[in-house]
N, C-alpha and C. Protein backbone atom coordinates (compact mmCIF):
# COMPACT_ATOMS: atom_id res chain seq x y z
N MET A 1 0.99 -1.15 -0.05
CA MET A 1 -0.03 0.04 0.08
C MET A 1 0.95 1.24 0.03
N SER A 2 0.56 2.29 -0.62
CA SER A 2 1.33 3.44 -0.89
C SER A 2 1.20 4.32 0.37
N ALA A 3 1.97 5.20 0.40
CA ALA A 3 1.90 6.18 1.71
C ALA A 3 0.80 7.09 1.74
N GLY A 4 0.19 7.41 0.55
CA GLY A 4 -0.91 8.33 0.39
C GLY A 4 -2.17 7.61 0.76
N GLY A 5 -2.09 6.25 0.33
CA GLY A 5 -3.38 5.34 0.64
C GLY A 5 -3.49 5.21 2.16
N ALA A 6 -2.18 4.86 2.74
CA ALA A 6 -2.21 4.85 4.32
C ALA A 6 -2.79 5.88 5.07
N GLN A 7 -2.40 7.15 4.55
CA GLN A 7 -2.81 8.22 5.15
C GLN A 7 -4.33 8.57 5.06
N PHE A 8 -4.79 8.32 3.88
CA PHE A 8 -6.24 8.22 3.77
C PHE A 8 -7.06 7.41 4.58
N LYS A 9 -6.54 6.11 4.67
CA LYS A 9 -7.04 5.25 5.42
C LYS A 9 -7.11 5.58 7.10
N THR A 10 -6.06 6.06 7.49
CA THR A 10 -5.90 6.66 9.02
C THR A 10 -6.76 7.90 9.05
N ALA A 11 -7.08 8.78 8.00
CA ALA A 11 -7.85 9.91 8.23
C ALA A 11 -9.24 9.68 8.22
N TYR A 12 -9.40 8.58 7.39
CA TYR A 12 -10.91 7.93 7.17
C TYR A 12 -11.36 7.35 8.42
N SER A 13 -10.48 6.60 9.21
CA SER A 13 -10.89 5.84 10.38
C SER A 13 -10.90 6.81 11.62
N GLY A 14 -10.29 7.85 11.45
CA GLY A 14 -10.19 9.08 12.53
C GLY A 14 -11.61 9.72 12.42
N LEU A 15 -12.04 9.87 11.27
CA LEU A 15 -13.32 10.63 11.00
C LEU A 15 -14.33 9.86 11.42
N ARG A 16 -14.42 8.52 10.97
CA ARG A 16 -15.38 7.45 11.55
C ARG A 16 -15.46 7.41 12.92
N LEU A 17 -14.22 7.62 13.72
CA LEU A 17 -14.44 7.39 15.10
C LEU A 17 -14.91 8.82 15.79
N ALA A 18 -14.62 9.83 15.08
CA ALA A 18 -15.28 11.05 15.50
C ALA A 18 -16.79 11.26 15.33
N VAL A 19 -17.12 10.74 14.28
CA VAL A 19 -18.71 10.74 14.00
C VAL A 19 -19.31 9.84 15.03
N THR A 20 -18.82 8.75 15.29
CA THR A 20 -19.29 7.64 16.18
C THR A 20 -19.50 8.31 17.71
N GLY A 21 -18.29 8.97 18.01
CA GLY A 21 -18.23 9.68 19.10
C GLY A 21 -19.43 10.75 19.46
N LEU A 22 -19.58 11.53 18.28
CA LEU A 22 -20.51 12.56 18.49
C LEU A 22 -21.89 12.01 18.44
N LEU A 23 -22.10 11.03 17.72
CA LEU A 23 -23.54 10.35 17.85
C LEU A 23 -23.75 9.63 19.22
N SER A 24 -22.79 9.15 19.70
CA SER A 24 -23.22 8.44 21.02
C SER A 24 -23.33 9.50 22.06
N LEU A 25 -22.63 10.72 21.98
CA LEU A 25 -22.81 11.81 22.94
C LEU A 25 -24.23 12.38 22.83
N ALA A 26 -24.72 12.58 21.64
CA ALA A 26 -26.04 12.84 21.42
C ALA A 26 -27.15 12.07 22.06
N LEU A 27 -26.77 10.78 22.02
CA LEU A 27 -27.76 9.94 22.44
C LEU A 27 -27.81 9.95 23.92
N VAL A 28 -26.74 10.03 24.61
CA VAL A 28 -26.60 10.19 25.99
C VAL A 28 -27.19 11.33 26.40
N ALA A 29 -27.12 12.44 25.76
CA ALA A 29 -27.77 13.87 26.11
C ALA A 29 -29.36 13.76 26.11
N CYS A 30 -29.85 12.99 25.00
CA CYS A 30 -31.14 12.78 24.94
C CYS A 30 -31.86 11.87 25.94
N SER A 31 -31.06 11.04 26.56
CA SER A 31 -31.55 9.92 27.37
C SER A 31 -32.03 10.63 28.67
N GLY A 32 -31.42 11.57 29.09
CA GLY A 32 -31.86 12.04 30.47
C GLY A 32 -33.32 12.44 30.65
N ASP A 33 -33.90 12.35 31.65
CA ASP A 33 -35.34 12.59 31.85
C ASP A 33 -35.49 13.87 32.81
N LYS A 34 -35.59 14.96 31.75
CA LYS A 34 -35.84 16.33 32.36
C LYS A 34 -37.21 16.96 32.35
N MET A 35 -38.10 16.04 32.30
CA MET A 35 -39.59 16.59 31.98
C MET A 35 -40.35 16.47 33.25
N ASP A 36 -39.88 16.51 34.31
CA ASP A 36 -40.65 16.62 35.80
C ASP A 36 -41.54 17.60 35.82
N ASP A 37 -41.09 18.87 35.28
CA ASP A 37 -42.05 20.10 35.27
C ASP A 37 -43.03 20.06 34.28
N LEU A 38 -42.93 19.31 33.21
CA LEU A 38 -44.01 19.31 32.12
C LEU A 38 -44.89 18.02 32.85
N ARG A 39 -44.54 17.12 33.45
CA ARG A 39 -45.42 16.11 33.86
C ARG A 39 -46.44 16.80 35.05
N ALA A 40 -45.54 17.51 35.86
CA ALA A 40 -46.30 18.15 37.12
C ALA A 40 -47.46 19.14 36.50
N TYR A 41 -47.11 19.82 35.50
CA TYR A 41 -48.10 20.82 35.05
C TYR A 41 -49.30 19.91 34.23
N VAL A 42 -49.10 18.91 33.60
CA VAL A 42 -50.11 18.14 33.07
C VAL A 42 -51.10 17.50 34.11
N GLU A 43 -50.45 16.96 35.24
CA GLU A 43 -51.19 16.35 36.32
C GLU A 43 -52.13 17.59 36.88
N ALA A 44 -51.35 18.73 36.99
CA ALA A 44 -52.27 19.81 37.83
C ALA A 44 -53.32 20.21 36.86
N THR A 45 -53.07 20.32 35.57
CA THR A 45 -54.31 20.72 34.58
C THR A 45 -55.11 19.65 34.71
N LYS A 46 -54.86 18.34 34.61
CA LYS A 46 -55.94 17.35 34.73
C LYS A 46 -56.77 17.29 36.03
N ALA A 47 -56.19 17.69 37.17
CA ALA A 47 -56.88 17.76 38.38
C ALA A 47 -57.90 18.87 38.48
N LYS A 48 -57.74 19.79 37.78
CA LYS A 48 -58.89 20.96 37.64
C LYS A 48 -60.11 20.60 37.21
N PRO A 49 -61.27 21.16 37.87
CA PRO A 49 -62.44 20.65 37.52
C PRO A 49 -62.92 21.36 36.08
N GLY A 50 -63.49 20.44 35.30
CA GLY A 50 -63.91 20.93 33.95
C GLY A 50 -64.97 22.00 33.80
N GLY A 51 -64.77 22.69 32.73
CA GLY A 51 -65.83 23.99 32.60
C GLY A 51 -67.04 23.42 32.05
N ARG A 52 -68.18 24.51 32.12
CA ARG A 52 -69.33 24.08 31.79
C ARG A 52 -69.40 24.42 30.16
N VAL A 53 -69.97 23.73 29.35
CA VAL A 53 -70.19 23.92 28.08
C VAL A 53 -71.47 24.47 27.77
N GLU A 54 -71.38 25.59 27.21
CA GLU A 54 -72.70 26.25 26.66
C GLU A 54 -73.54 25.29 25.68
N PRO A 55 -74.84 25.37 25.85
CA PRO A 55 -75.60 24.65 24.92
C PRO A 55 -75.59 25.39 23.52
N ILE A 56 -75.81 24.68 22.52
CA ILE A 56 -75.87 25.03 21.18
C ILE A 56 -76.87 25.84 21.12
N PRO A 57 -76.79 27.20 20.43
CA PRO A 57 -77.86 28.15 20.36
C PRO A 57 -79.02 27.65 19.32
N GLU A 58 -80.04 28.09 19.56
CA GLU A 58 -81.22 27.54 18.60
C GLU A 58 -81.08 28.16 17.35
N VAL A 59 -81.29 27.44 16.32
CA VAL A 59 -81.22 28.00 14.98
C VAL A 59 -82.56 28.45 14.57
N LYS A 60 -82.73 29.80 14.27
CA LYS A 60 -84.17 30.22 13.87
C LYS A 60 -84.31 29.82 12.39
N PRO A 61 -85.46 29.47 12.06
CA PRO A 61 -85.84 29.11 10.63
C PRO A 61 -85.89 30.28 9.79
N PHE A 62 -85.38 30.03 8.61
CA PHE A 62 -85.48 31.04 7.47
C PHE A 62 -86.74 31.47 7.07
N GLU A 63 -87.02 32.64 6.97
CA GLU A 63 -88.26 33.02 6.45
C GLU A 63 -88.18 33.23 4.96
N SER A 64 -88.97 32.73 4.28
CA SER A 64 -88.73 32.63 2.74
C SER A 64 -89.79 33.87 2.13
N PHE A 65 -89.67 34.33 1.18
CA PHE A 65 -90.40 35.49 0.57
C PHE A 65 -90.92 35.00 -0.64
N ALA A 66 -92.20 35.06 -0.67
CA ALA A 66 -92.83 34.62 -2.06
C ALA A 66 -93.24 35.92 -2.74
N TYR A 67 -92.57 36.16 -4.00
CA TYR A 67 -92.57 37.05 -4.74
C TYR A 67 -94.03 37.20 -5.54
N GLN A 68 -94.71 38.32 -5.12
CA GLN A 68 -96.04 38.49 -5.89
C GLN A 68 -95.71 39.64 -6.95
N VAL A 69 -96.08 39.35 -8.21
CA VAL A 69 -95.98 40.18 -9.33
C VAL A 69 -96.97 41.44 -9.23
N ALA A 70 -97.89 41.27 -8.60
CA ALA A 70 -98.89 42.41 -8.52
C ALA A 70 -98.25 43.83 -8.25
N GLY A 71 -98.22 44.70 -9.28
CA GLY A 71 -97.62 45.99 -9.06
C GLY A 71 -96.18 46.14 -9.01
N ARG A 72 -95.33 45.10 -9.22
CA ARG A 72 -93.94 45.02 -8.98
C ARG A 72 -93.33 44.78 -10.42
N LYS A 73 -92.04 45.09 -10.55
CA LYS A 73 -91.38 44.84 -11.81
C LYS A 73 -90.85 43.47 -11.77
N SER A 74 -90.72 42.73 -12.80
CA SER A 74 -90.18 41.39 -12.74
C SER A 74 -88.68 41.66 -12.73
N PRO A 75 -87.92 40.84 -11.92
CA PRO A 75 -86.55 40.86 -11.62
C PRO A 75 -85.71 40.25 -12.85
N PHE A 76 -86.42 39.73 -13.80
CA PHE A 76 -85.78 39.22 -14.92
C PHE A 76 -85.82 39.97 -16.31
N GLU A 77 -86.48 41.11 -16.07
CA GLU A 77 -86.55 42.09 -17.32
C GLU A 77 -85.36 43.19 -17.20
N PRO A 78 -84.76 43.65 -18.29
CA PRO A 78 -83.81 44.74 -18.04
C PRO A 78 -84.23 45.87 -17.40
N TRP A 79 -83.57 46.56 -16.67
CA TRP A 79 -83.91 47.75 -15.94
C TRP A 79 -83.94 48.76 -17.04
N THR A 80 -85.02 49.79 -17.00
CA THR A 80 -85.16 50.90 -17.71
C THR A 80 -85.69 51.90 -16.68
N ALA A 81 -85.17 53.16 -17.06
CA ALA A 81 -85.42 54.41 -16.09
C ALA A 81 -86.75 54.83 -16.57
N ASN A 82 -87.41 55.18 -15.37
CA ASN A 82 -88.81 55.74 -15.56
C ASN A 82 -88.88 57.29 -15.47
N SER A 83 -87.77 57.85 -14.86
CA SER A 83 -87.78 59.40 -14.57
C SER A 83 -87.30 60.16 -16.01
N GLY A 84 -87.71 61.36 -16.22
CA GLY A 84 -87.19 61.97 -17.42
C GLY A 84 -85.73 62.36 -17.41
N ALA A 85 -85.06 62.59 -16.35
CA ALA A 85 -83.68 62.89 -16.50
C ALA A 85 -82.80 61.63 -16.62
N SER A 86 -83.39 60.50 -16.07
CA SER A 86 -82.52 59.25 -16.32
C SER A 86 -82.88 58.72 -17.59
N ARG A 87 -84.24 58.84 -18.22
CA ARG A 87 -84.25 58.44 -19.51
C ARG A 87 -83.61 59.24 -20.59
N LYS A 88 -83.16 60.55 -20.37
CA LYS A 88 -82.47 61.41 -21.25
C LYS A 88 -81.09 60.76 -21.27
N ASN A 89 -80.38 60.23 -20.20
CA ASN A 89 -79.13 59.52 -20.24
C ASN A 89 -79.09 58.32 -20.79
N ALA A 90 -80.25 57.61 -20.72
CA ALA A 90 -80.20 56.17 -21.21
C ALA A 90 -80.25 56.21 -22.64
N VAL A 91 -80.56 57.15 -23.41
CA VAL A 91 -80.57 57.13 -24.81
C VAL A 91 -79.19 57.42 -25.23
N PRO A 92 -78.53 56.34 -26.00
CA PRO A 92 -77.13 56.83 -26.50
C PRO A 92 -76.91 57.94 -27.26
N GLY A 93 -75.99 58.87 -27.41
CA GLY A 93 -75.89 59.94 -28.29
C GLY A 93 -76.28 61.20 -27.55
N THR A 94 -76.96 61.01 -26.46
CA THR A 94 -77.43 62.44 -25.79
C THR A 94 -76.42 62.48 -24.38
N GLY A 95 -76.19 63.77 -24.16
CA GLY A 95 -75.41 64.19 -22.98
C GLY A 95 -73.99 64.21 -23.37
N PRO A 96 -73.19 64.29 -22.40
CA PRO A 96 -71.75 64.15 -22.82
C PRO A 96 -71.34 63.07 -23.38
N ALA A 97 -70.32 63.13 -24.09
CA ALA A 97 -69.68 61.83 -24.75
C ALA A 97 -68.15 62.39 -25.03
N PRO A 98 -67.36 61.23 -24.87
CA PRO A 98 -65.84 61.46 -25.22
C PRO A 98 -65.56 61.70 -26.58
N ASP A 99 -64.59 62.58 -26.79
CA ASP A 99 -64.26 62.81 -28.34
C ASP A 99 -63.26 61.72 -28.99
N ASP A 100 -63.63 60.58 -29.47
CA ASP A 100 -62.82 59.68 -30.05
C ASP A 100 -61.97 60.06 -31.08
N ASN A 101 -62.12 61.21 -31.66
CA ASN A 101 -61.18 61.56 -32.64
C ASN A 101 -59.97 62.49 -32.26
N ARG A 102 -60.11 62.77 -31.07
CA ARG A 102 -59.00 63.70 -30.40
C ARG A 102 -57.91 62.83 -30.14
N ARG A 103 -56.64 63.39 -30.27
CA ARG A 103 -55.49 62.74 -30.17
C ARG A 103 -55.18 62.56 -28.69
N LYS A 104 -54.91 61.28 -28.11
CA LYS A 104 -54.67 60.83 -26.72
C LYS A 104 -53.35 61.75 -26.06
N GLU A 105 -53.33 62.18 -25.00
CA GLU A 105 -52.25 62.73 -24.27
C GLU A 105 -51.58 61.55 -23.47
N ALA A 106 -50.18 62.01 -23.12
CA ALA A 106 -49.32 60.95 -22.48
C ALA A 106 -50.15 60.55 -20.95
N LEU A 107 -50.76 61.45 -20.28
CA LEU A 107 -51.19 61.03 -18.97
C LEU A 107 -52.47 60.29 -19.03
N GLU A 108 -53.06 60.14 -20.22
CA GLU A 108 -54.24 59.32 -20.34
C GLU A 108 -54.05 57.68 -20.39
N SER A 109 -52.86 57.38 -20.24
CA SER A 109 -52.61 55.97 -20.24
C SER A 109 -52.36 55.63 -18.99
N PHE A 110 -52.61 56.20 -18.03
CA PHE A 110 -52.55 55.92 -16.56
C PHE A 110 -53.84 56.25 -15.86
N PRO A 111 -54.24 55.28 -14.96
CA PRO A 111 -55.41 55.60 -14.12
C PRO A 111 -55.25 56.93 -13.23
N LEU A 112 -56.17 57.55 -13.06
CA LEU A 112 -56.12 59.01 -12.25
C LEU A 112 -55.55 58.75 -10.89
N ASP A 113 -55.84 57.57 -10.30
CA ASP A 113 -55.37 57.45 -8.77
C ASP A 113 -53.96 57.06 -8.70
N THR A 114 -53.26 56.79 -10.01
CA THR A 114 -51.70 56.36 -9.88
C THR A 114 -50.84 57.71 -10.04
N LEU A 115 -51.51 58.70 -10.48
CA LEU A 115 -50.86 59.94 -10.77
C LEU A 115 -50.75 60.80 -9.46
N ARG A 116 -49.48 61.41 -9.47
CA ARG A 116 -49.40 62.40 -8.20
C ARG A 116 -48.98 63.65 -8.71
N MET A 117 -49.71 64.73 -8.00
CA MET A 117 -49.52 66.16 -8.21
C MET A 117 -48.17 66.37 -7.04
N VAL A 118 -47.05 66.93 -7.81
CA VAL A 118 -46.03 67.13 -6.96
C VAL A 118 -45.68 68.64 -6.91
N GLY A 119 -46.33 69.55 -7.71
CA GLY A 119 -45.89 71.02 -7.40
C GLY A 119 -46.55 71.79 -8.50
N THR A 120 -46.26 73.09 -8.49
CA THR A 120 -46.95 73.88 -9.38
C THR A 120 -45.85 74.78 -9.97
N LEU A 121 -46.21 75.34 -11.27
CA LEU A 121 -45.08 76.30 -11.69
C LEU A 121 -45.97 77.45 -12.49
N SER A 122 -45.59 78.59 -12.04
CA SER A 122 -46.39 79.91 -12.59
C SER A 122 -45.43 80.64 -13.61
N GLN A 123 -46.01 80.93 -14.72
CA GLN A 123 -45.47 81.65 -15.88
C GLN A 123 -46.47 82.69 -16.39
N LYS A 124 -45.99 83.32 -17.28
CA LYS A 124 -46.77 84.62 -17.79
C LYS A 124 -48.23 83.95 -18.47
N ASP A 125 -48.17 82.64 -18.88
CA ASP A 125 -49.14 82.31 -19.65
C ASP A 125 -50.20 81.56 -18.69
N GLY A 126 -49.83 81.42 -17.40
CA GLY A 126 -50.70 80.93 -16.52
C GLY A 126 -49.87 79.90 -15.51
N MET A 127 -50.77 79.01 -14.70
CA MET A 127 -50.39 78.16 -13.89
C MET A 127 -50.29 76.69 -14.32
N TRP A 128 -49.26 76.06 -14.07
CA TRP A 128 -49.15 74.68 -14.67
C TRP A 128 -48.93 73.85 -13.23
N ALA A 129 -49.55 72.59 -13.43
CA ALA A 129 -49.22 71.68 -12.26
C ALA A 129 -48.22 70.67 -12.77
N ILE A 130 -47.36 70.30 -11.81
CA ILE A 130 -46.45 69.30 -12.07
C ILE A 130 -46.81 67.91 -11.61
N VAL A 131 -46.79 66.90 -12.54
CA VAL A 131 -47.60 65.65 -12.23
C VAL A 131 -46.43 64.44 -12.34
N LYS A 132 -46.40 63.76 -11.41
CA LYS A 132 -45.42 62.48 -11.63
C LYS A 132 -46.45 61.21 -12.01
N ALA A 133 -45.83 60.50 -13.04
CA ALA A 133 -46.64 59.33 -13.56
C ALA A 133 -45.92 58.11 -12.88
N PRO A 134 -46.63 57.01 -12.86
CA PRO A 134 -46.05 55.70 -12.47
C PRO A 134 -44.73 55.15 -13.26
N ASP A 135 -44.72 55.86 -14.50
CA ASP A 135 -43.47 55.47 -15.22
C ASP A 135 -42.13 56.13 -14.79
N GLY A 136 -42.46 57.10 -13.76
CA GLY A 136 -41.13 57.77 -13.11
C GLY A 136 -41.18 59.14 -13.96
N LEU A 137 -41.69 59.43 -15.06
CA LEU A 137 -41.49 60.79 -15.64
C LEU A 137 -42.50 61.74 -14.99
N VAL A 138 -41.94 63.00 -15.10
CA VAL A 138 -42.75 64.17 -14.71
C VAL A 138 -43.27 64.97 -15.79
N TYR A 139 -44.65 65.38 -15.70
CA TYR A 139 -45.33 65.87 -16.94
C TYR A 139 -45.81 67.56 -16.14
N ARG A 140 -46.22 68.31 -17.08
CA ARG A 140 -46.71 69.34 -16.63
C ARG A 140 -48.03 69.62 -17.41
N VAL A 141 -49.16 69.93 -16.52
CA VAL A 141 -50.33 70.08 -17.10
C VAL A 141 -51.15 71.45 -16.74
N THR A 142 -52.00 71.87 -17.62
CA THR A 142 -52.82 73.05 -17.42
C THR A 142 -54.17 72.92 -17.82
N ARG A 143 -54.95 73.80 -17.73
CA ARG A 143 -56.35 73.81 -18.17
C ARG A 143 -56.62 73.19 -19.62
N ASN A 144 -57.34 72.33 -19.71
CA ASN A 144 -58.00 71.68 -20.93
C ASN A 144 -56.94 70.60 -21.43
N ASN A 145 -56.03 70.14 -20.37
CA ASN A 145 -55.07 69.08 -20.95
C ASN A 145 -56.15 67.89 -20.43
N TYR A 146 -55.69 66.82 -20.71
CA TYR A 146 -56.32 65.42 -20.48
C TYR A 146 -55.50 64.41 -19.62
N MET A 147 -56.07 63.90 -18.66
CA MET A 147 -55.12 62.93 -17.87
C MET A 147 -56.14 61.86 -17.25
N GLY A 148 -55.82 60.55 -16.96
CA GLY A 148 -56.50 59.51 -16.59
C GLY A 148 -57.13 58.79 -17.53
N GLN A 149 -57.57 57.58 -17.37
CA GLN A 149 -58.17 56.78 -18.35
C GLN A 149 -59.70 56.88 -18.56
N ASN A 150 -60.38 57.82 -17.89
CA ASN A 150 -61.77 58.19 -18.07
C ASN A 150 -61.93 59.49 -18.65
N HIS A 151 -61.14 59.78 -19.80
CA HIS A 151 -61.50 60.97 -20.69
C HIS A 151 -61.54 62.19 -19.65
N GLY A 152 -60.49 62.20 -18.71
CA GLY A 152 -60.61 63.37 -17.71
C GLY A 152 -59.95 64.69 -18.50
N ARG A 153 -60.68 65.80 -18.40
CA ARG A 153 -60.18 67.03 -18.71
C ARG A 153 -59.80 67.97 -17.63
N VAL A 154 -58.65 68.57 -17.69
CA VAL A 154 -58.28 69.38 -16.38
C VAL A 154 -59.11 70.76 -16.66
N THR A 155 -59.80 71.14 -15.53
CA THR A 155 -60.79 72.24 -15.44
C THR A 155 -60.26 73.35 -14.69
N ARG A 156 -59.29 73.00 -13.78
CA ARG A 156 -58.71 74.18 -12.94
C ARG A 156 -57.40 73.59 -12.26
N VAL A 157 -56.52 74.57 -12.24
CA VAL A 157 -55.34 74.12 -11.54
C VAL A 157 -54.92 75.23 -10.63
N SER A 158 -54.90 74.83 -9.31
CA SER A 158 -54.46 75.76 -8.36
C SER A 158 -53.29 75.29 -7.58
N GLU A 159 -52.63 75.94 -6.57
CA GLU A 159 -51.41 75.60 -5.97
C GLU A 159 -51.36 74.43 -5.16
N GLU A 160 -52.75 73.86 -4.73
CA GLU A 160 -52.78 72.77 -4.00
C GLU A 160 -53.84 71.50 -4.54
N ARG A 161 -54.20 71.82 -5.75
CA ARG A 161 -55.00 70.71 -6.48
C ARG A 161 -55.26 70.91 -8.00
N ILE A 162 -55.61 69.79 -8.52
CA ILE A 162 -56.01 69.85 -9.88
C ILE A 162 -57.42 69.35 -10.06
N ASP A 163 -58.44 70.20 -10.74
CA ASP A 163 -59.72 69.73 -10.71
C ASP A 163 -59.88 69.03 -12.10
N VAL A 164 -60.51 67.86 -12.07
CA VAL A 164 -60.62 67.23 -13.24
C VAL A 164 -62.14 66.65 -13.58
N THR A 165 -62.64 66.94 -14.79
CA THR A 165 -63.86 66.39 -15.07
C THR A 165 -63.84 65.24 -16.04
N GLU A 166 -64.34 64.01 -15.53
CA GLU A 166 -64.14 62.86 -16.29
C GLU A 166 -65.56 62.52 -17.07
N ILE A 167 -65.44 61.68 -18.03
CA ILE A 167 -66.67 61.36 -18.61
C ILE A 167 -66.70 59.85 -18.73
N VAL A 168 -67.69 59.21 -17.82
CA VAL A 168 -67.71 57.82 -17.67
C VAL A 168 -68.97 57.25 -18.06
N PRO A 169 -69.26 55.93 -18.34
CA PRO A 169 -70.33 55.33 -18.86
C PRO A 169 -71.37 55.49 -17.71
N ASP A 170 -72.53 55.83 -17.98
CA ASP A 170 -73.67 55.82 -16.88
C ASP A 170 -74.38 54.51 -16.72
N GLY A 171 -74.03 53.44 -17.30
CA GLY A 171 -74.68 52.06 -17.20
C GLY A 171 -75.77 51.97 -18.02
N LEU A 172 -76.22 52.88 -18.70
CA LEU A 172 -77.58 52.65 -19.40
C LEU A 172 -77.37 53.03 -20.98
N GLY A 173 -75.98 53.01 -21.36
CA GLY A 173 -75.70 53.18 -22.83
C GLY A 173 -75.30 54.47 -23.01
N GLY A 174 -75.31 55.56 -22.07
CA GLY A 174 -74.95 56.91 -22.24
C GLY A 174 -73.74 57.17 -21.55
N TRP A 175 -73.53 58.47 -21.33
CA TRP A 175 -72.34 58.77 -20.63
C TRP A 175 -72.63 60.06 -19.55
N GLN A 176 -71.96 60.07 -18.45
CA GLN A 176 -72.27 61.17 -17.56
C GLN A 176 -70.87 61.71 -17.18
N GLU A 177 -70.85 62.97 -16.72
CA GLU A 177 -69.72 63.61 -16.06
C GLU A 177 -69.41 63.28 -14.57
N ARG A 178 -68.38 63.19 -14.20
CA ARG A 178 -67.87 63.01 -12.75
C ARG A 178 -66.80 63.91 -12.49
N GLN A 179 -66.87 64.69 -11.31
CA GLN A 179 -65.72 65.34 -10.90
C GLN A 179 -64.73 64.67 -10.11
N ALA A 180 -63.52 64.90 -10.33
CA ALA A 180 -62.38 64.04 -9.64
C ALA A 180 -61.16 65.27 -9.48
N GLY A 181 -60.17 64.75 -8.97
CA GLY A 181 -59.20 65.65 -8.78
C GLY A 181 -57.95 64.99 -8.20
N LEU A 182 -56.81 65.67 -8.32
CA LEU A 182 -55.55 65.12 -7.63
C LEU A 182 -55.15 66.44 -6.62
N ALA A 183 -54.77 66.14 -5.41
CA ALA A 183 -54.22 67.02 -4.41
C ALA A 183 -52.87 66.89 -4.44
N LEU A 184 -52.27 68.13 -4.04
CA LEU A 184 -50.79 68.13 -3.95
C LEU A 184 -50.36 67.24 -2.77
N ALA A 185 -49.27 66.32 -3.29
CA ALA A 185 -48.71 65.30 -2.38
C ALA A 185 -47.83 65.99 -1.32
N GLU A 186 -48.03 65.46 -0.03
CA GLU A 186 -47.39 66.04 0.91
C GLU A 186 -45.98 65.37 1.03
C-alpha cells in the first residue's frame, strides 16, 4: 500500500471514530429525563374541574319570501329608467360623450389614482401643475389638458390641487360627467 493510501485510511478511520463519538454523545444527552416540570403541569391541569359547555344556540328558521308580481317589476327584465332625467341619459348619443377623434395625451394611459401632483409652476401664460406618473416621468399640465383613463379634462389648476372632469359610462348606454381631482402630495 502506498503512503498516500495509508494516510487516507488513517484519516478516514479517525473521521469515522469522531462521528461515532458525536452520535453516542447526542444519544446520551437525549436519554436524560428532564420532564418533571412538564409532567407536574399536565397532572395539575388534569386535576382542575372541567368547565361548563354552553348549549348550542337554537337556529331560527329562515323566513322565505314569496314574490308576488302584482304591481312590481319583474326581476328578470332589463332595467329601464322611468324618470325624465334618467331616460335622457339612457338614450345613446345624448348628454356628454368622449371625443374619440381627439389625439390622446401621455397622461391618459395611466389611471387617475396612480398620478401624483408634486408641485406647480407659474409663468406668464398661467399656472401649470407638475404631475409624476407611475413610469417615473414628470409631466406638466394646465387647463384643458387630459389625464386619467376616463377621458378626464383638467378644468382648474391651483397651488394645492388639480380639478378634473371625467366622462364615464352611466350604465344605461350613455355617458355622464364626474368630478375628480388630484391633491398636492405632501
